[in-house]
Amino acid sequence: MVLYKHGVNIINRRGQPARTVTPLEGYESWWQQRQELFDLVRQFQQASGIGDPDEVMREVLEAQQIVRAAAVG
């Protein structure tokens, strides 16, 4: 079964979402944002002097949650 929801085609298998088909421009936007996030993580890691990638990712995720909470509130 294929459902259309929020501009995305969702392909269900046995009643569970299995795949999505998105417009190319949406995918390209997502890919660009992903690349920008990884670039920011690398920049943060270099600037902070923190050598542990897991620690850097924790810091980035914490900052991301703060920004999202501020945007909602």
PDB file of N, CA and C in Angstrom:
ATOM      1  N   MET A   1       0.844  -1.167   0.000  1.00  0.00           N
ATOM      2  CA  MET A   1       0.000   0.000   0.000  1.00  0.00           C
ATOM      3  C   MET A   1       0.894   1.237   0.000  1.00  0.00           C
ATOM      4  N   VAL A   2       0.496   2.252  -0.727  1.00  0.00           N
ATOM      5  CA  VAL A   2       1.235   3.507  -0.784  1.00  0.00           C
ATOM      6  C   VAL A   2       0.337   4.617  -0.257  1.00  0.00           C
ATOM      7  N   LEU A   3       0.845   5.370   0.698  1.00  0.00           N
ATOM      8  CA  LEU A   3       0.128   6.503   1.264  1.00  0.00           C
ATOM      9  C   LEU A   3       0.864   7.786   0.899  1.00  0.00           C
ATOM     10  N   TYR A   4       0.125   8.865   0.767  1.00  0.00           N
ATOM     11  CA  TYR A   4       0.737  10.168   0.498  1.00  0.00           C
ATOM     12  C   TYR A   4       0.527  11.019   1.738  1.00  0.00           C
ATOM     13  N   LYS A   5       1.632  11.446   2.368  1.00  0.00           N
ATOM     14  CA  LYS A   5       1.521  12.190   3.620  1.00  0.00           C
ATOM     15  C   LYS A   5       2.609  13.251   3.672  1.00  0.00           C
ATOM     16  N   HIS A   6       2.231  14.496   3.850  1.00  0.00           N
ATOM     17  CA  HIS A   6       3.171  15.611   3.985  1.00  0.00           C
ATOM     18  C   HIS A   6       4.143  15.686   2.814  1.00  0.00           C
ATOM     19  N   GLY A   7       3.667  15.470   1.608  1.00  0.00           N
ATOM     20  CA  GLY A   7       4.509  15.592   0.425  1.00  0.00           C
ATOM     21  C   GLY A   7       5.408  14.404   0.165  1.00  0.00           C
ATOM     22  N   VAL A   8       5.188  13.307   0.877  1.00  0.00           N
ATOM     23  CA  VAL A   8       6.035  12.114   0.738  1.00  0.00           C
ATOM     24  C   VAL A   8       5.137  10.907   0.501  1.00  0.00           C
ATOM     25  N   ASN A   9       5.539  10.059  -0.422  1.00  0.00           N
ATOM     26  CA  ASN A   9       4.846   8.785  -0.626  1.00  0.00           C
ATOM     27  C   ASN A   9       5.463   7.768   0.317  1.00  0.00           C
ATOM     28  N   ILE A  10       4.636   7.166   1.165  1.00  0.00           N
ATOM     29  CA  ILE A  10       5.101   6.169   2.131  1.00  0.00           C
ATOM     30  C   ILE A  10       4.612   4.800   1.681  1.00  0.00           C
ATOM     31  N   ILE A  11       5.531   3.893   1.480  1.00  0.00           N
ATOM     32  CA  ILE A  11       5.203   2.541   1.044  1.00  0.00           C
ATOM     33  C   ILE A  11       5.165   1.651   2.281  1.00  0.00           C
ATOM     34  N   ASN A  12       3.996   1.076   2.532  1.00  0.00           N
ATOM     35  CA  ASN A  12       3.831   0.187   3.679  1.00  0.00           C
ATOM     36  C   ASN A  12       3.958  -1.263   3.264  1.00  0.00           C
ATOM     37  N   ARG A  13       4.537  -2.029   4.155  1.00  0.00           N
ATOM     38  CA  ARG A  13       4.638  -3.475   3.952  1.00  0.00           C
ATOM     39  C   ARG A  13       4.159  -4.138   5.227  1.00  0.00           C
ATOM     40  N   ARG A  14       3.140  -4.945   5.095  1.00  0.00           N
ATOM     41  CA  ARG A  14       2.521  -5.601   6.242  1.00  0.00           C
ATOM     42  C   ARG A  14       2.057  -4.597   7.289  1.00  0.00           C
ATOM     43  N   GLY A  15       1.550  -3.466   6.803  1.00  0.00           N
ATOM     44  CA  GLY A  15       1.006  -2.451   7.686  1.00  0.00           C
ATOM     45  C   GLY A  15       2.028  -1.535   8.334  1.00  0.00           C
ATOM     46  N   GLN A  16       3.307  -1.701   8.025  1.00  0.00           N
ATOM     47  CA  GLN A  16       4.362  -0.883   8.612  1.00  0.00           C
ATOM     48  C   GLN A  16       5.084  -0.097   7.515  1.00  0.00           C
ATOM     49  N   PRO A  17       5.473   1.156   7.809  1.00  0.00           N
ATOM     50  CA  PRO A  17       6.237   1.917   6.812  1.00  0.00           C
ATOM     51  C   PRO A  17       7.531   1.189   6.462  1.00  0.00           C
ATOM     52  N   ALA A  18       7.789   1.014   5.166  1.00  0.00           N
ATOM     53  CA  ALA A  18       8.979   0.288   4.730  1.00  0.00           C
ATOM     54  C   ALA A  18       9.903   1.164   3.892  1.00  0.00           C
ATOM     55  N   ARG A  19       9.354   2.068   3.101  1.00  0.00           N
ATOM     56  CA  ARG A  19      10.140   2.916   2.212  1.00  0.00           C
ATOM     57  C   ARG A  19       9.410   4.237   2.028  1.00  0.00           C
ATOM     58  N   THR A  20      10.150   5.230   1.591  1.00  0.00           N
ATOM     59  CA  THR A  20       9.527   6.491   1.211  1.00  0.00           C
ATOM     60  C   THR A  20      10.041   6.905  -0.159  1.00  0.00           C
ATOM     61  N   VAL A  21       9.210   7.646  -0.858  1.00  0.00           N
ATOM     62  CA  VAL A  21       9.604   8.238  -2.129  1.00  0.00           C
ATOM     63  C   VAL A  21       9.348   9.729  -1.959  1.00  0.00           C
ATOM     64  N   THR A  22      10.415  10.516  -2.036  1.00  0.00           N
ATOM     65  CA  THR A  22      10.298  11.951  -1.826  1.00  0.00           C
ATOM     66  C   THR A  22      10.647  12.697  -3.109  1.00  0.00           C
ATOM     67  N   PRO A  23      10.158  13.915  -3.230  1.00  0.00           N
ATOM     68  CA  PRO A  23      10.573  14.729  -4.379  1.00  0.00           C
ATOM     69  C   PRO A  23      12.080  14.975  -4.320  1.00  0.00           C
ATOM     70  N   LEU A  24      12.710  15.054  -5.470  1.00  0.00           N
ATOM     71  CA  LEU A  24      14.161  15.227  -5.542  1.00  0.00           C
ATOM     72  C   LEU A  24      14.614  16.480  -4.806  1.00  0.00           C
ATOM     73  N   GLU A  25      13.869  17.570  -4.939  1.00  0.00           N
ATOM     74  CA  GLU A  25      14.287  18.801  -4.268  1.00  0.00           C
ATOM     75  C   GLU A  25      14.272  18.641  -2.747  1.00  0.00           C
ATOM     76  N   GLY A  26      13.348  17.873  -2.211  1.00  0.00           N
ATOM     77  CA  GLY A  26      13.321  17.607  -0.771  1.00  0.00           C
ATOM     78  C   GLY A  26      14.520  16.790  -0.337  1.00  0.00           C
ATOM     79  N   TYR A  27      14.861  15.796  -1.134  1.00  0.00           N
ATOM     80  CA  TYR A  27      16.036  14.967  -0.835  1.00  0.00           C
ATOM     81  C   TYR A  27      17.304  15.806  -0.896  1.00  0.00           C
ATOM     82  N   GLU A  28      17.424  16.627  -1.923  1.00  0.00           N
ATOM     83  CA  GLU A  28      18.619  17.458  -2.069  1.00  0.00           C
ATOM     84  C   GLU A  28      18.753  18.428  -0.903  1.00  0.00           C
ATOM     85  N   SER A  29      17.637  18.985  -0.454  1.00  0.00           N
ATOM     86  CA  SER A  29      17.651  19.892   0.690  1.00  0.00           C
ATOM     87  C   SER A  29      18.098  19.148   1.950  1.00  0.00           C
ATOM     88  N   TRP A  30      17.558  17.954   2.158  1.00  0.00           N
ATOM     89  CA  TRP A  30      17.945  17.142   3.308  1.00  0.00           C
ATOM     90  C   TRP A  30      19.439  16.827   3.255  1.00  0.00           C
ATOM     91  N   TRP A  31      19.927  16.447   2.094  1.00  0.00           N
ATOM     92  CA  TRP A  31      21.347  16.093   1.943  1.00  0.00           C
ATOM     93  C   TRP A  31      22.231  17.301   2.258  1.00  0.00           C
ATOM     94  N   GLN A  32      21.859  18.467   1.768  1.00  0.00           N
ATOM     95  CA  GLN A  32      22.620  19.688   2.029  1.00  0.00           C
ATOM     96  C   GLN A  32      22.644  20.003   3.528  1.00  0.00           C
ATOM     97  N   GLN A  33      21.495  19.898   4.175  1.00  0.00           N
ATOM     98  CA  GLN A  33      21.430  20.148   5.616  1.00  0.00           C
ATOM     99  C   GLN A  33      22.282  19.145   6.391  1.00  0.00           C
ATOM    100  N   ARG A  34      22.271  17.906   5.954  1.00  0.00           N
ATOM    101  CA  ARG A  34      23.083  16.865   6.589  1.00  0.00           C
ATOM    102  C   ARG A  34      24.564  17.196   6.457  1.00  0.00           C
ATOM    103  N   GLN A  35      24.988  17.584   5.273  1.00  0.00           N
ATOM    104  CA  GLN A  35      26.384  17.940   5.047  1.00  0.00           C
ATOM    105  C   GLN A  35      26.786  19.136   5.903  1.00  0.00           C
ATOM    106  N   GLU A  36      25.888  20.137   5.987  1.00  0.00           N
ATOM    107  CA  GLU A  36      26.167  21.317   6.799  1.00  0.00           C
ATOM    108  C   GLU A  36      26.306  20.948   8.273  1.00  0.00           C
ATOM    109  N   LEU A  37      25.455  20.033   8.756  1.00  0.00           N
ATOM    110  CA  LEU A  37      25.560  19.582  10.144  1.00  0.00           C
ATOM    111  C   LEU A  37      26.908  18.917  10.399  1.00  0.00           C
ATOM    112  N   PHE A  38      27.313  18.019   9.510  1.00  0.00           N
ATOM    113  CA  PHE A  38      28.603  17.343   9.697  1.00  0.00           C
ATOM    114  C   PHE A  38      29.759  18.330   9.614  1.00  0.00           C
ATOM    115  N   ASP A  39      29.656  19.329   8.747  1.00  0.00           N
ATOM    116  CA  ASP A  39      30.686  20.368   8.677  1.00  0.00           C
ATOM    117  C   ASP A  39      30.762  21.136   9.991  1.00  0.00           C
ATOM    118  N   LEU A  40      29.605  21.468  10.553  1.00  0.00           N
ATOM    119  CA  LEU A  40      29.585  22.178  11.833  1.00  0.00           C
ATOM    120  C   LEU A  40      30.174  21.333  12.955  1.00  0.00           C
ATOM    121  N   VAL A  41      29.878  20.049  12.947  1.00  0.00           N
ATOM    122  CA  VAL A  41      30.439  19.153  13.963  1.00  0.00           C
ATOM    123  C   VAL A  41      31.959  19.141  13.856  1.00  0.00           C
ATOM    124  N   ARG A  42      32.471  19.043  12.633  1.00  0.00           N
ATOM    125  CA  ARG A  42      33.926  19.051  12.449  1.00  0.00           C
ATOM    126  C   ARG A  42      34.541  20.374  12.891  1.00  0.00           C
ATOM    127  N   GLN A  43      33.899  21.480  12.545  1.00  0.00           N
ATOM    128  CA  GLN A  43      34.400  22.786  12.961  1.00  0.00           C
ATOM    129  C   GLN A  43      34.400  22.920  14.478  1.00  0.00           C
ATOM    130  N   PHE A  44      33.327  22.470  15.106  1.00  0.00           N
ATOM    131  CA  PHE A  44      33.229  22.526  16.560  1.00  0.00           C
ATOM    132  C   PHE A  44      34.325  21.680  17.196  1.00  0.00           C
ATOM    133  N   GLN A  45      34.525  20.505  16.656  1.00  0.00           N
ATOM    134  CA  GLN A  45      35.546  19.607  17.198  1.00  0.00           C
ATOM    135  C   GLN A  45      36.927  20.247  17.102  1.00  0.00           C
ATOM    136  N   GLN A  46      37.239  20.834  15.980  1.00  0.00           N
ATOM    137  CA  GLN A  46      38.543  21.474  15.799  1.00  0.00           C
ATOM    138  C   GLN A  46      38.698  22.688  16.712  1.00  0.00           C
ATOM    139  N   ALA A  47      37.654  23.486  16.839  1.00  0.00           N
ATOM    140  CA  ALA A  47      37.733  24.705  17.638  1.00  0.00           C
ATOM    141  C   ALA A  47      37.769  24.421  19.133  1.00  0.00           C
ATOM    142  N   SER A  48      37.101  23.355  19.550  1.00  0.00           N
ATOM    143  CA  SER A  48      36.998  23.077  20.986  1.00  0.00           C
ATOM    144  C   SER A  48      38.203  22.320  21.530  1.00  0.00           C
ATOM    145  N   GLY A  49      38.916  21.643  20.648  1.00  0.00           N
ATOM    146  CA  GLY A  49      40.041  20.846  21.109  1.00  0.00           C
ATOM    147  C   GLY A  49      39.616  19.534  21.745  1.00  0.00           C
ATOM    148  N   ILE A  50      38.324  19.253  21.699  1.00  0.00           N
ATOM    149  CA  ILE A  50      37.836  17.984  22.249  1.00  0.00           C
ATOM    150  C   ILE A  50      38.193  16.881  21.260  1.00  0.00           C
ATOM    151  N   GLY A  51      38.883  15.872  21.729  1.00  0.00           N
ATOM    152  CA  GLY A  51      39.320  14.815  20.832  1.00  0.00           C
ATOM    153  C   GLY A  51      38.344  13.671  20.684  1.00  0.00           C
ATOM    154  N   ASP A  52      37.424  13.521  21.629  1.00  0.00           N
ATOM    155  CA  ASP A  52      36.503  12.385  21.621  1.00  0.00           C
ATOM    156  C   ASP A  52      35.281  12.704  20.753  1.00  0.00           C
ATOM    157  N   PRO A  53      35.123  12.033  19.606  1.00  0.00           N
ATOM    158  CA  PRO A  53      33.973  12.319  18.728  1.00  0.00           C
ATOM    159  C   PRO A  53      32.630  12.110  19.412  1.00  0.00           C
ATOM    160  N   ASP A  54      32.537  11.139  20.319  1.00  0.00           N
ATOM    161  CA  ASP A  54      31.268  10.913  21.027  1.00  0.00           C
ATOM    162  C   ASP A  54      30.924  12.106  21.922  1.00  0.00           C
ATOM    163  N   GLU A  55      31.925  12.685  22.551  1.00  0.00           N
ATOM    164  CA  GLU A  55      31.695  13.860  23.390  1.00  0.00           C
ATOM    165  C   GLU A  55      31.247  15.046  22.534  1.00  0.00           C
ATOM    166  N   VAL A  56      31.873  15.199  21.389  1.00  0.00           N
ATOM    167  CA  VAL A  56      31.478  16.268  20.475  1.00  0.00           C
ATOM    168  C   VAL A  56      30.029  16.083  20.053  1.00  0.00           C
ATOM    169  N   MET A  57      29.650  14.872  19.704  1.00  0.00           N
ATOM    170  CA  MET A  57      28.280  14.617  19.255  1.00  0.00           C
ATOM    171  C   MET A  57      27.289  14.881  20.386  1.00  0.00           C
ATOM    172  N   ARG A  58      27.631  14.528  21.607  1.00  0.00           N
ATOM    173  CA  ARG A  58      26.746  14.829  22.739  1.00  0.00           C
ATOM    174  C   ARG A  58      26.539  16.336  22.868  1.00  0.00           C
ATOM    175  N   GLU A  59      27.617  17.095  22.734  1.00  0.00           N
ATOM    176  CA  GLU A  59      27.530  18.559  22.825  1.00  0.00           C
ATOM    177  C   GLU A  59      26.661  19.119  21.694  1.00  0.00           C
ATOM    178  N   VAL A  60      26.844  18.617  20.514  1.00  0.00           N
ATOM    179  CA  VAL A  60      26.068  19.089  19.359  1.00  0.00           C
ATOM    180  C   VAL A  60      24.593  18.759  19.540  1.00  0.00           C
ATOM    181  N   LEU A  61      24.282  17.538  19.969  1.00  0.00           N
ATOM    182  CA  LEU A  61      22.885  17.149  20.162  1.00  0.00           C
ATOM    183  C   LEU A  61      22.231  17.970  21.265  1.00  0.00           C
ATOM    184  N   GLU A  62      22.977  18.258  22.320  1.00  0.00           N
ATOM    185  CA  GLU A  62      22.449  19.102  23.388  1.00  0.00           C
ATOM    186  C   GLU A  62      22.130  20.504  22.862  1.00  0.00           C
ATOM    187  N   ALA A  63      23.043  21.076  22.091  1.00  0.00           N
ATOM    188  CA  ALA A  63      22.817  22.396  21.505  1.00  0.00           C
ATOM    189  C   ALA A  63      21.616  22.373  20.561  1.00  0.00           C
ATOM    190  N   GLN A  64      21.494  21.298  19.796  1.00  0.00           N
ATOM    191  CA  GLN A  64      20.377  21.152  18.858  1.00  0.00           C
ATOM    192  C   GLN A  64      19.050  21.126  19.625  1.00  0.00           C
ATOM    193  N   GLN A  65      18.990  20.414  20.729  1.00  0.00           N
ATOM    194  CA  GLN A  65      17.764  20.340  21.518  1.00  0.00           C
ATOM    195  C   GLN A  65      17.395  21.704  22.108  1.00  0.00           C
ATOM    196  N   ILE A  66      18.417  22.457  22.526  1.00  0.00           N
ATOM    197  CA  ILE A  66      18.165  23.786  23.080  1.00  0.00           C
ATOM    198  C   ILE A  66      17.582  24.699  22.008  1.00  0.00           C
ATOM    199  N   VAL A  67      18.145  24.650  20.804  1.00  0.00           N
ATOM    200  CA  VAL A  67      17.664  25.494  19.703  1.00  0.00           C
ATOM    201  C   VAL A  67      16.246  25.107  19.324  1.00  0.00           C
ATOM    202  N   ARG A  68      15.981  23.811  19.245  1.00  0.00           N
ATOM    203  CA  ARG A  68      14.624  23.366  18.884  1.00  0.00           C
ATOM    204  C   ARG A  68      13.604  23.777  19.946  1.00  0.00           C
ATOM    205  N   ALA A  69      13.973  23.642  21.220  1.00  0.00           N
ATOM    206  CA  ALA A  69      13.052  24.027  22.301  1.00  0.00           C
ATOM    207  C   ALA A  69      12.766  25.520  22.244  1.00  0.00           C
ATOM    208  N   ALA A  70      13.756  26.330  21.944  1.00  0.00           N
ATOM    209  CA  ALA A  70      13.578  27.771  21.845  1.00  0.00           C
ATOM    210  C   ALA A  70      12.675  28.121  20.661  1.00  0.00           C
ATOM    211  N   ALA A  71      12.789  27.377  19.572  1.00  0.00           N
ATOM    212  CA  ALA A  71      11.981  27.641  18.378  1.00  0.00           C
ATOM    213  C   ALA A  71      10.513  27.315  18.631  1.00  0.00           C
ATOM    214  N   VAL A  72      10.261  26.281  19.429  1.00  0.00           N
ATOM    215  CA  VAL A  72       8.881  25.850  19.722  1.00  0.00           C
ATOM    216  C   VAL A  72       8.246  26.765  20.754  1.00  0.00           C
ATOM    217  N   GLY A  73       9.024  27.125  21.758  1.00  0.00           N
ATOM    218  CA  GLY A  73       8.496  27.918  22.888  1.00  0.00           C
ATOM    219  C   GLY A  73       8.451  29.341  22.582  1.00  0.00           C
TER     220      GLY A  73
END
